[in-house]
């Protein structure tokens, strides 16, 4: 993983989860689907804790 991971990715542990919105993988930044440019903030779905089965 890169040393320049934006703080929000680390605060929400988003960098350690795959993104279901933009298909970014663990260790990758989320990308804008239109421009393909990396986003400074992760997609909303990636900031939420994973749901656990009960």
PDB file of N, CA and C in Angstrom:
ATOM      1  N   UNK A   1       0.838  -1.193   0.000  1.00  0.00           N
ATOM      2  CA  UNK A   1       0.000   0.000   0.000  1.00  0.00           C
ATOM      3  C   UNK A   1       0.872   1.243   0.000  1.00  0.00           C
ATOM      4  N   UNK A   2       0.359   2.265  -0.592  1.00  0.00           N
ATOM      5  CA  UNK A   2       1.103   3.508  -0.731  1.00  0.00           C
ATOM      6  C   UNK A   2       1.155   4.288   0.582  1.00  0.00           C
ATOM      7  N   UNK A   3       2.215   5.068   0.729  1.00  0.00           N
ATOM      8  CA  UNK A   3       2.360   5.899   1.924  1.00  0.00           C
ATOM      9  C   UNK A   3       1.442   7.112   1.856  1.00  0.00           C
ATOM     10  N   UNK A   4       0.898   7.442   0.673  1.00  0.00           N
ATOM     11  CA  UNK A   4       0.037   8.622   0.585  1.00  0.00           C
ATOM     12  C   UNK A   4      -1.443   8.273   0.575  1.00  0.00           C
ATOM     13  N   UNK A   5      -1.847   7.404   1.435  1.00  0.00           N
ATOM     14  CA  UNK A   5      -3.268   7.069   1.558  1.00  0.00           C
ATOM     15  C   UNK A   5      -3.946   8.204   2.321  1.00  0.00           C
ATOM     16  N   UNK A   6      -4.969   8.818   1.738  1.00  0.00           N
ATOM     17  CA  UNK A   6      -5.665   9.905   2.433  1.00  0.00           C
ATOM     18  C   UNK A   6      -6.233   9.441   3.779  1.00  0.00           C
ATOM     19  N   UNK A   7      -6.198  10.341   4.734  1.00  0.00           N
ATOM     20  CA  UNK A   7      -6.624  10.043   6.102  1.00  0.00           C
ATOM     21  C   UNK A   7      -8.016   9.408   6.209  1.00  0.00           C
ATOM     22  N   UNK A   8      -9.041   9.883   5.465  1.00  0.00           N
ATOM     23  CA  UNK A   8     -10.369   9.266   5.605  1.00  0.00           C
ATOM     24  C   UNK A   8     -10.380   7.753   5.328  1.00  0.00           C
ATOM     25  N   UNK A   9      -9.543   7.292   4.431  1.00  0.00           N
ATOM     26  CA  UNK A   9      -9.485   5.857   4.137  1.00  0.00           C
ATOM     27  C   UNK A   9      -8.989   5.079   5.360  1.00  0.00           C
ATOM     28  N   UNK A  10      -8.096   5.690   6.121  1.00  0.00           N
ATOM     29  CA  UNK A  10      -7.548   5.036   7.304  1.00  0.00           C
ATOM     30  C   UNK A  10      -8.482   5.172   8.497  1.00  0.00           C
ATOM     31  N   UNK A  11      -9.114   6.338   8.632  1.00  0.00           N
ATOM     32  CA  UNK A  11     -10.019   6.567   9.766  1.00  0.00           C
ATOM     33  C   UNK A  11     -11.194   5.602   9.759  1.00  0.00           C
ATOM     34  N   UNK A  12     -11.712   5.301   8.582  1.00  0.00           N
ATOM     35  CA  UNK A  12     -12.865   4.405   8.476  1.00  0.00           C
ATOM     36  C   UNK A  12     -12.457   2.988   8.091  1.00  0.00           C
ATOM     37  N   UNK A  13     -11.159   2.697   8.053  1.00  0.00           N
ATOM     38  CA  UNK A  13     -10.647   1.388   7.629  1.00  0.00           C
ATOM     39  C   UNK A  13     -11.119   1.022   6.228  1.00  0.00           C
ATOM     40  N   UNK A  14     -11.469   2.021   5.437  1.00  0.00           N
ATOM     41  CA  UNK A  14     -11.976   1.770   4.083  1.00  0.00           C
ATOM     42  C   UNK A  14     -10.917   1.147   3.182  1.00  0.00           C
ATOM     43  N   UNK A  15      -9.675   1.459   3.409  1.00  0.00           N
ATOM     44  CA  UNK A  15      -8.596   0.946   2.561  1.00  0.00           C
ATOM     45  C   UNK A  15      -8.429  -0.568   2.721  1.00  0.00           C
ATOM     46  N   UNK A  16      -9.001  -1.108   3.784  1.00  0.00           N
ATOM     47  CA  UNK A  16      -8.889  -2.543   4.061  1.00  0.00           C
ATOM     48  C   UNK A  16     -10.104  -3.334   3.589  1.00  0.00           C
ATOM     49  N   UNK A  17     -11.026  -2.659   2.843  1.00  0.00           N
ATOM     50  CA  UNK A  17     -12.230  -3.312   2.315  1.00  0.00           C
ATOM     51  C   UNK A  17     -12.351  -3.062   0.813  1.00  0.00           C
ATOM     52  N   UNK A  18     -12.927  -4.018   0.115  1.00  0.00           N
ATOM     53  CA  UNK A  18     -13.266  -3.802  -1.289  1.00  0.00           C
ATOM     54  C   UNK A  18     -14.416  -2.808  -1.355  1.00  0.00           C
ATOM     55  N   UNK A  19     -14.505  -2.071  -2.447  1.00  0.00           N
ATOM     56  CA  UNK A  19     -15.600  -1.113  -2.617  1.00  0.00           C
ATOM     57  C   UNK A  19     -16.646  -1.691  -3.568  1.00  0.00           C
ATOM     58  N   UNK A  20     -17.875  -1.755  -3.087  1.00  0.00           N
ATOM     59  CA  UNK A  20     -18.961  -2.288  -3.920  1.00  0.00           C
ATOM     60  C   UNK A  20     -19.499  -1.243  -4.893  1.00  0.00           C
ATOM     61  N   UNK A  21     -19.174   0.029  -4.673  1.00  0.00           N
ATOM     62  CA  UNK A  21     -19.667   1.091  -5.547  1.00  0.00           C
ATOM     63  C   UNK A  21     -18.786   1.289  -6.784  1.00  0.00           C
ATOM     64  N   UNK A  22     -17.475   1.348  -6.595  1.00  0.00           N
ATOM     65  CA  UNK A  22     -16.591   1.640  -7.733  1.00  0.00           C
ATOM     66  C   UNK A  22     -15.650   0.483  -8.058  1.00  0.00           C
ATOM     67  N   UNK A  23     -15.751  -0.614  -7.329  1.00  0.00           N
ATOM     68  CA  UNK A  23     -14.965  -1.826  -7.562  1.00  0.00           C
ATOM     69  C   UNK A  23     -13.484  -1.693  -7.204  1.00  0.00           C
ATOM     70  N   UNK A  24     -13.122  -0.684  -6.382  1.00  0.00           N
ATOM     71  CA  UNK A  24     -11.737  -0.584  -5.918  1.00  0.00           C
ATOM     72  C   UNK A  24     -11.460  -1.766  -4.992  1.00  0.00           C
ATOM     73  N   UNK A  25     -10.265  -2.309  -5.108  1.00  0.00           N
ATOM     74  CA  UNK A  25      -9.885  -3.457  -4.280  1.00  0.00           C
ATOM     75  C   UNK A  25      -9.188  -2.992  -3.015  1.00  0.00           C
ATOM     76  N   UNK A  26      -8.999  -3.913  -2.088  1.00  0.00           N
ATOM     77  CA  UNK A  26      -8.269  -3.614  -0.860  1.00  0.00           C
ATOM     78  C   UNK A  26      -6.932  -2.985  -1.240  1.00  0.00           C
ATOM     79  N   UNK A  27      -6.596  -1.874  -0.590  1.00  0.00           N
ATOM     80  CA  UNK A  27      -5.335  -1.193  -0.850  1.00  0.00           C
ATOM     81  C   UNK A  27      -5.393  -0.155  -1.954  1.00  0.00           C
ATOM     82  N   UNK A  28      -6.518  -0.081  -2.674  1.00  0.00           N
ATOM     83  CA  UNK A  28      -6.673   0.899  -3.749  1.00  0.00           C
ATOM     84  C   UNK A  28      -7.608   2.018  -3.314  1.00  0.00           C
ATOM     85  N   UNK A  29      -7.415   3.206  -3.881  1.00  0.00           N
ATOM     86  CA  UNK A  29      -8.318   4.316  -3.623  1.00  0.00           C
ATOM     87  C   UNK A  29      -9.556   4.160  -4.498  1.00  0.00           C
ATOM     88  N   UNK A  30     -10.674   4.674  -4.029  1.00  0.00           N
ATOM     89  CA  UNK A  30     -11.888   4.684  -4.832  1.00  0.00           C
ATOM     90  C   UNK A  30     -11.669   5.607  -6.023  1.00  0.00           C
ATOM     91  N   UNK A  31     -12.409   5.352  -7.089  1.00  0.00           N
ATOM     92  CA  UNK A  31     -12.265   6.161  -8.301  1.00  0.00           C
ATOM     93  C   UNK A  31     -13.604   6.740  -8.736  1.00  0.00           C
ATOM     94  N   UNK A  32     -13.534   7.902  -9.349  1.00  0.00           N
ATOM     95  CA  UNK A  32     -14.707   8.531  -9.918  1.00  0.00           C
ATOM     96  C   UNK A  32     -15.082   7.726 -11.154  1.00  0.00           C
ATOM     97  N   UNK A  33     -16.308   7.194 -11.229  1.00  0.00           N
ATOM     98  CA  UNK A  33     -16.683   6.335 -12.355  1.00  0.00           C
ATOM     99  C   UNK A  33     -16.719   7.054 -13.703  1.00  0.00           C
ATOM    100  N   UNK A  34     -16.856   8.366 -13.694  1.00  0.00           N
ATOM    101  CA  UNK A  34     -16.922   9.117 -14.948  1.00  0.00           C
ATOM    102  C   UNK A  34     -15.523   9.455 -15.463  1.00  0.00           C
ATOM    103  N   UNK A  35     -14.684   9.996 -14.577  1.00  0.00           N
ATOM    104  CA  UNK A  35     -13.355  10.445 -15.015  1.00  0.00           C
ATOM    105  C   UNK A  35     -12.257   9.410 -14.802  1.00  0.00           C
ATOM    106  N   UNK A  36     -12.503   8.444 -13.906  1.00  0.00           N
ATOM    107  CA  UNK A  36     -11.488   7.444 -13.608  1.00  0.00           C
ATOM    108  C   UNK A  36     -10.389   7.945 -12.688  1.00  0.00           C
ATOM    109  N   UNK A  37     -10.559   9.137 -12.139  1.00  0.00           N
ATOM    110  CA  UNK A  37      -9.570   9.749 -11.254  1.00  0.00           C
ATOM    111  C   UNK A  37      -9.794   9.264  -9.818  1.00  0.00           C
ATOM    112  N   UNK A  38      -8.713   8.997  -9.106  1.00  0.00           N
ATOM    113  CA  UNK A  38      -8.796   8.571  -7.707  1.00  0.00           C
ATOM    114  C   UNK A  38      -9.456   9.653  -6.857  1.00  0.00           C
ATOM    115  N   UNK A  39     -10.250   9.206  -5.886  1.00  0.00           N
ATOM    116  CA  UNK A  39     -10.964  10.130  -5.009  1.00  0.00           C
ATOM    117  C   UNK A  39     -10.243  10.280  -3.671  1.00  0.00           C
ATOM    118  N   UNK A  40     -10.255  11.485  -3.114  1.00  0.00           N
ATOM    119  CA  UNK A  40      -9.646  11.740  -1.808  1.00  0.00           C
ATOM    120  C   UNK A  40     -10.502  11.165  -0.688  1.00  0.00           C
ATOM    121  N   UNK A  41     -11.780  10.967  -0.937  1.00  0.00           N
ATOM    122  CA  UNK A  41     -12.693  10.374   0.037  1.00  0.00           C
ATOM    123  C   UNK A  41     -13.206   9.051  -0.520  1.00  0.00           C
ATOM    124  N   UNK A  42     -13.325   8.036   0.324  1.00  0.00           N
ATOM    125  CA  UNK A  42     -13.857   6.764  -0.163  1.00  0.00           C
ATOM    126  C   UNK A  42     -15.353   6.864  -0.446  1.00  0.00           C
ATOM    127  N   UNK A  43     -15.852   5.966  -1.263  1.00  0.00           N
ATOM    128  CA  UNK A  43     -17.296   5.882  -1.505  1.00  0.00           C
ATOM    129  C   UNK A  43     -17.990   5.605  -0.173  1.00  0.00           C
ATOM    130  N   UNK A  44     -19.218   6.058  -0.047  1.00  0.00           N
ATOM    131  CA  UNK A  44     -19.958   5.934   1.206  1.00  0.00           C
ATOM    132  C   UNK A  44     -20.082   4.479   1.660  1.00  0.00           C
ATOM    133  N   UNK A  45     -20.383   3.580   0.752  1.00  0.00           N
ATOM    134  CA  UNK A  45     -20.563   2.172   1.134  1.00  0.00           C
ATOM    135  C   UNK A  45     -19.293   1.584   1.745  1.00  0.00           C
ATOM    136  N   UNK A  46     -18.165   2.085   1.351  1.00  0.00           N
ATOM    137  CA  UNK A  46     -16.894   1.554   1.842  1.00  0.00           C
ATOM    138  C   UNK A  46     -16.561   2.032   3.259  1.00  0.00           C
ATOM    139  N   UNK A  47     -17.242   3.079   3.710  1.00  0.00           N
ATOM    140  CA  UNK A  47     -16.971   3.615   5.050  1.00  0.00           C
ATOM    141  C   UNK A  47     -17.811   2.926   6.124  1.00  0.00           C
ATOM    142  N   UNK A  48     -18.799   2.177   5.704  1.00  0.00           N
ATOM    143  CA  UNK A  48     -19.677   1.502   6.669  1.00  0.00           C
ATOM    144  C   UNK A  48     -19.091   0.159   7.068  1.00  0.00           C
ATOM    145  N   UNK A  49     -19.217  -0.199   8.350  1.00  0.00           N
ATOM    146  CA  UNK A  49     -18.709  -1.505   8.775  1.00  0.00           C
ATOM    147  C   UNK A  49     -19.433  -2.627   8.032  1.00  0.00           C
ATOM    148  N   UNK A  50     -18.715  -3.711   7.818  1.00  0.00           N
ATOM    149  CA  UNK A  50     -19.312  -4.858   7.140  1.00  0.00           C
ATOM    150  C   UNK A  50     -20.438  -5.418   7.983  1.00  0.00           C
ATOM    151  N   UNK A  51     -21.486  -5.833   7.318  1.00  0.00           N
ATOM    152  CA  UNK A  51     -22.620  -6.431   8.043  1.00  0.00           C
ATOM    153  C   UNK A  51     -22.289  -7.860   8.376  1.00  0.00           C
ATOM    154  N   UNK A  52     -22.653  -8.265   9.563  1.00  0.00           N
ATOM    155  CA  UNK A  52     -22.400  -9.631   9.978  1.00  0.00           C
ATOM    156  C   UNK A  52     -23.700 -10.412   9.991  1.00  0.00           C
ATOM    157  N   UNK A  53     -23.620 -11.662   9.629  1.00  0.00           N
ATOM    158  CA  UNK A  53     -24.811 -12.506   9.640  1.00  0.00           C
ATOM    159  C   UNK A  53     -25.113 -12.920  11.068  1.00  0.00           C
ATOM    160  N   UNK A  54     -26.387 -12.997  11.373  1.00  0.00           N
ATOM    161  CA  UNK A  54     -26.779 -13.390  12.742  1.00  0.00           C
ATOM    162  C   UNK A  54     -27.535 -14.672  12.734  1.00  0.00           C
TER     163      UNK A  54
END
